Amino acid sequence: MNTLQWKPNVPDEQCDCEASGHNCYQGHTAEIADNATYVVDIRAYLEVRGPRGGEHRYGVGTYKTIEEAKLACERDYADGVEYAMQRPVAAA
């Protein structure tokens, strides 16, 4: 299985972690192309940006831990990314 290169998300500068009650550094990303990135936080999804800047998210699943979500993305990537792209999710 190919190993994706995971990086911790940079927190949103607008994020007030204390007020929102969540960890702004929790998620991770793995870029697979200039316009496609796997994202894991509470759920795992593939984020694809179109040529005009539009964004689509395709669900990989929801997992108990970030490590489980990363493994699911690794499997999806190894399967040719087609599995995630069959399940669009609502934009956040």
N, C-alpha and C. Protein backbone atom coordinates (compact mmCIF):
# COMPACT_ATOMS: atom_id res chain seq x y z
N MET A 1 0.84 -1.18 0.00
CA MET A 1 0.00 0.00 0.00
C MET A 1 0.89 1.24 0.00
N ASN A 2 0.54 2.22 -0.83
CA ASN A 2 1.26 3.49 -0.85
C ASN A 2 1.01 4.24 0.44
N THR A 3 2.03 4.94 0.91
CA THR A 3 1.88 5.73 2.12
C THR A 3 1.76 7.19 1.74
N LEU A 4 0.69 7.81 2.18
CA LEU A 4 0.50 9.24 1.93
C LEU A 4 1.35 10.03 2.92
N GLN A 5 1.75 11.21 2.52
CA GLN A 5 2.54 12.09 3.37
C GLN A 5 1.59 13.01 4.14
N TRP A 6 1.36 12.72 5.42
CA TRP A 6 0.40 13.46 6.23
C TRP A 6 1.07 14.65 6.90
N LYS A 7 0.36 15.76 6.90
CA LYS A 7 0.81 16.97 7.59
C LYS A 7 -0.30 17.45 8.52
N PRO A 8 0.06 17.94 9.70
CA PRO A 8 -0.97 18.51 10.57
C PRO A 8 -1.57 19.75 9.92
N ASN A 9 -2.87 19.94 10.10
CA ASN A 9 -3.52 21.14 9.58
C ASN A 9 -2.99 22.37 10.30
N VAL A 10 -2.87 23.43 9.56
CA VAL A 10 -2.56 24.72 10.17
C VAL A 10 -3.89 25.29 10.64
N PRO A 11 -3.98 25.73 11.88
CA PRO A 11 -5.27 26.21 12.37
C PRO A 11 -5.73 27.46 11.64
N ASP A 12 -7.01 27.59 11.52
CA ASP A 12 -7.60 28.79 10.95
C ASP A 12 -7.32 29.96 11.90
N GLU A 13 -6.81 31.05 11.37
CA GLU A 13 -6.50 32.19 12.22
C GLU A 13 -7.75 32.75 12.90
N GLN A 14 -8.91 32.49 12.31
CA GLN A 14 -10.17 32.96 12.90
C GLN A 14 -10.66 32.02 14.00
N CYS A 15 -10.02 30.88 14.15
CA CYS A 15 -10.45 29.88 15.12
C CYS A 15 -10.09 30.32 16.53
N ASP A 16 -11.08 30.39 17.41
CA ASP A 16 -10.85 30.68 18.81
C ASP A 16 -11.04 29.36 19.55
N CYS A 17 -9.94 28.63 19.74
CA CYS A 17 -10.02 27.28 20.30
C CYS A 17 -10.67 27.26 21.68
N GLU A 18 -10.36 28.22 22.51
CA GLU A 18 -10.93 28.22 23.86
C GLU A 18 -12.43 28.46 23.81
N ALA A 19 -12.88 29.38 22.98
CA ALA A 19 -14.31 29.69 22.90
C ALA A 19 -15.10 28.57 22.23
N SER A 20 -14.52 27.96 21.20
CA SER A 20 -15.24 26.92 20.47
C SER A 20 -15.20 25.57 21.17
N GLY A 21 -14.22 25.38 22.05
CA GLY A 21 -14.12 24.13 22.80
C GLY A 21 -13.56 22.97 22.00
N HIS A 22 -12.93 23.23 20.85
CA HIS A 22 -12.32 22.13 20.11
C HIS A 22 -10.85 22.44 19.80
N ASN A 23 -10.12 21.41 19.44
CA ASN A 23 -8.69 21.52 19.16
C ASN A 23 -8.50 21.92 17.70
N CYS A 24 -8.01 23.11 17.46
CA CYS A 24 -7.85 23.61 16.09
C CYS A 24 -6.71 22.90 15.36
N TYR A 25 -5.87 22.15 16.04
CA TYR A 25 -4.74 21.46 15.42
C TYR A 25 -5.01 19.98 15.19
N GLN A 26 -6.21 19.52 15.40
CA GLN A 26 -6.50 18.09 15.41
C GLN A 26 -6.39 17.42 14.05
N GLY A 27 -6.80 18.05 12.97
CA GLY A 27 -6.85 17.40 11.67
C GLY A 27 -5.51 17.26 10.99
N HIS A 28 -5.48 16.44 9.94
CA HIS A 28 -4.30 16.22 9.12
C HIS A 28 -4.72 16.22 7.65
N THR A 29 -3.78 16.55 6.78
CA THR A 29 -4.03 16.53 5.35
C THR A 29 -2.93 15.78 4.62
N ALA A 30 -3.27 15.24 3.45
CA ALA A 30 -2.30 14.58 2.58
C ALA A 30 -2.66 14.98 1.15
N GLU A 31 -1.80 15.77 0.53
CA GLU A 31 -2.06 16.22 -0.83
C GLU A 31 -1.66 15.12 -1.81
N ILE A 32 -2.58 14.78 -2.73
CA ILE A 32 -2.27 13.72 -3.71
C ILE A 32 -2.10 14.29 -5.11
N ALA A 33 -2.51 15.54 -5.31
CA ALA A 33 -2.35 16.24 -6.59
C ALA A 33 -2.48 17.73 -6.30
N ASP A 34 -2.22 18.55 -7.31
CA ASP A 34 -2.34 19.99 -7.12
C ASP A 34 -3.74 20.40 -6.69
N ASN A 35 -4.74 19.62 -7.08
CA ASN A 35 -6.12 20.01 -6.79
C ASN A 35 -6.86 18.99 -5.92
N ALA A 36 -6.18 18.03 -5.32
CA ALA A 36 -6.85 17.00 -4.54
C ALA A 36 -6.09 16.71 -3.25
N THR A 37 -6.83 16.71 -2.14
CA THR A 37 -6.23 16.53 -0.82
C THR A 37 -7.14 15.66 0.03
N TYR A 38 -6.56 14.66 0.71
CA TYR A 38 -7.29 13.93 1.72
C TYR A 38 -7.24 14.74 3.00
N VAL A 39 -8.39 14.80 3.70
CA VAL A 39 -8.48 15.55 4.96
C VAL A 39 -9.08 14.61 6.00
N VAL A 40 -8.47 14.56 7.18
CA VAL A 40 -9.05 13.80 8.30
C VAL A 40 -9.15 14.72 9.50
N ASP A 41 -10.28 14.68 10.15
CA ASP A 41 -10.48 15.34 11.44
C ASP A 41 -11.47 14.44 12.18
N ILE A 42 -12.69 14.83 12.34
CA ILE A 42 -13.69 13.94 12.92
C ILE A 42 -14.10 12.91 11.87
N ARG A 43 -14.08 13.30 10.62
CA ARG A 43 -14.40 12.39 9.51
C ARG A 43 -13.26 12.44 8.50
N ALA A 44 -13.31 11.56 7.54
CA ALA A 44 -12.29 11.52 6.49
C ALA A 44 -12.96 11.80 5.15
N TYR A 45 -12.35 12.64 4.34
CA TYR A 45 -12.90 12.94 3.03
C TYR A 45 -11.81 13.37 2.07
N LEU A 46 -12.14 13.31 0.78
CA LEU A 46 -11.26 13.77 -0.29
C LEU A 46 -11.80 15.11 -0.76
N GLU A 47 -10.97 16.12 -0.74
CA GLU A 47 -11.37 17.47 -1.15
C GLU A 47 -10.73 17.75 -2.50
N VAL A 48 -11.57 18.08 -3.50
CA VAL A 48 -11.09 18.33 -4.86
C VAL A 48 -11.50 19.73 -5.27
N ARG A 49 -10.53 20.51 -5.75
CA ARG A 49 -10.78 21.87 -6.22
C ARG A 49 -10.82 21.89 -7.74
N GLY A 50 -11.86 22.50 -8.28
CA GLY A 50 -12.03 22.59 -9.72
C GLY A 50 -11.19 23.70 -10.32
N PRO A 51 -11.13 23.78 -11.65
CA PRO A 51 -10.29 24.77 -12.33
C PRO A 51 -10.73 26.21 -12.07
N ARG A 52 -11.99 26.40 -11.69
CA ARG A 52 -12.46 27.76 -11.39
C ARG A 52 -12.57 28.03 -9.90
N GLY A 53 -11.96 27.18 -9.09
CA GLY A 53 -11.93 27.40 -7.66
C GLY A 53 -13.05 26.74 -6.88
N GLY A 54 -13.97 26.06 -7.56
CA GLY A 54 -15.04 25.35 -6.85
C GLY A 54 -14.47 24.18 -6.06
N GLU A 55 -15.14 23.82 -4.98
CA GLU A 55 -14.64 22.75 -4.12
C GLU A 55 -15.70 21.67 -3.95
N HIS A 56 -15.28 20.41 -4.06
CA HIS A 56 -16.17 19.27 -3.84
C HIS A 56 -15.51 18.38 -2.79
N ARG A 57 -16.33 17.82 -1.92
CA ARG A 57 -15.83 16.89 -0.91
C ARG A 57 -16.52 15.55 -1.10
N TYR A 58 -15.71 14.49 -1.05
CA TYR A 58 -16.19 13.12 -1.22
C TYR A 58 -15.87 12.33 0.03
N GLY A 59 -16.88 11.81 0.69
CA GLY A 59 -16.71 11.13 1.97
C GLY A 59 -15.99 9.81 1.87
N VAL A 60 -15.07 9.59 2.80
CA VAL A 60 -14.41 8.30 2.95
C VAL A 60 -15.03 7.57 4.13
N GLY A 61 -15.45 8.30 5.16
CA GLY A 61 -16.11 7.68 6.31
C GLY A 61 -15.86 8.46 7.58
N THR A 62 -16.46 7.97 8.66
CA THR A 62 -16.27 8.55 9.99
C THR A 62 -15.63 7.48 10.86
N TYR A 63 -14.61 7.85 11.62
CA TYR A 63 -13.83 6.88 12.39
C TYR A 63 -13.63 7.38 13.81
N LYS A 64 -13.29 6.46 14.72
CA LYS A 64 -13.10 6.81 16.13
C LYS A 64 -11.79 7.55 16.37
N THR A 65 -10.77 7.24 15.58
CA THR A 65 -9.47 7.89 15.78
C THR A 65 -8.96 8.45 14.45
N ILE A 66 -8.07 9.39 14.55
CA ILE A 66 -7.45 9.96 13.35
C ILE A 66 -6.62 8.89 12.63
N GLU A 67 -5.98 8.01 13.38
CA GLU A 67 -5.17 6.96 12.75
C GLU A 67 -6.04 6.03 11.90
N GLU A 68 -7.23 5.67 12.39
CA GLU A 68 -8.15 4.85 11.60
C GLU A 68 -8.58 5.58 10.34
N ALA A 69 -8.85 6.88 10.46
CA ALA A 69 -9.26 7.68 9.31
C ALA A 69 -8.13 7.75 8.29
N LYS A 70 -6.91 7.92 8.75
CA LYS A 70 -5.75 7.96 7.84
C LYS A 70 -5.62 6.64 7.08
N LEU A 71 -5.77 5.52 7.79
CA LEU A 71 -5.67 4.21 7.14
C LEU A 71 -6.75 4.04 6.08
N ALA A 72 -7.96 4.52 6.37
CA ALA A 72 -9.05 4.44 5.39
C ALA A 72 -8.71 5.25 4.14
N CYS A 73 -8.13 6.42 4.32
CA CYS A 73 -7.71 7.24 3.17
C CYS A 73 -6.60 6.55 2.39
N GLU A 74 -5.68 5.91 3.11
CA GLU A 74 -4.59 5.17 2.44
C GLU A 74 -5.18 4.06 1.57
N ARG A 75 -6.17 3.33 2.11
CA ARG A 75 -6.81 2.26 1.33
C ARG A 75 -7.55 2.84 0.13
N ASP A 76 -8.25 3.95 0.34
CA ASP A 76 -8.98 4.58 -0.76
C ASP A 76 -8.02 5.02 -1.86
N TYR A 77 -6.89 5.60 -1.48
CA TYR A 77 -5.89 6.03 -2.44
C TYR A 77 -5.32 4.83 -3.20
N ALA A 78 -5.05 3.75 -2.48
CA ALA A 78 -4.51 2.54 -3.10
C ALA A 78 -5.51 1.93 -4.08
N ASP A 79 -6.81 2.12 -3.80
CA ASP A 79 -7.86 1.60 -4.68
C ASP A 79 -8.13 2.51 -5.87
N GLY A 80 -7.38 3.58 -6.00
CA GLY A 80 -7.52 4.45 -7.16
C GLY A 80 -8.44 5.64 -6.94
N VAL A 81 -8.75 5.97 -5.70
CA VAL A 81 -9.53 7.15 -5.33
C VAL A 81 -10.98 7.06 -5.81
N GLU A 82 -11.34 6.06 -6.55
CA GLU A 82 -12.68 5.99 -7.12
C GLU A 82 -13.75 5.76 -6.05
N TYR A 83 -13.42 5.05 -4.99
CA TYR A 83 -14.41 4.74 -3.96
C TYR A 83 -14.91 6.02 -3.28
N ALA A 84 -14.04 6.91 -2.90
CA ALA A 84 -14.45 8.16 -2.24
C ALA A 84 -15.25 9.03 -3.19
N MET A 85 -14.91 9.07 -4.45
CA MET A 85 -15.57 9.97 -5.38
C MET A 85 -16.98 9.52 -5.72
N GLN A 86 -17.40 8.34 -5.27
CA GLN A 86 -18.76 7.89 -5.47
C GLN A 86 -19.69 8.40 -4.38
N ARG A 87 -19.12 9.00 -3.31
CA ARG A 87 -19.92 9.41 -2.16
C ARG A 87 -19.71 10.89 -1.83
N PRO A 88 -20.33 11.81 -2.55
CA PRO A 88 -20.17 13.22 -2.21
C PRO A 88 -20.77 13.52 -0.84
N VAL A 89 -20.14 14.45 -0.11
CA VAL A 89 -20.66 14.89 1.18
C VAL A 89 -20.96 16.37 1.10
N ALA A 90 -21.78 16.84 2.01
CA ALA A 90 -22.13 18.27 2.02
C ALA A 90 -20.90 19.10 2.35
N ALA A 91 -20.79 20.25 1.71
CA ALA A 91 -19.68 21.16 1.99
C ALA A 91 -19.79 21.68 3.40
N ALA A 92 -18.65 21.81 4.03
CA ALA A 92 -18.63 22.31 5.43
C ALA A 92 -18.59 23.82 5.44
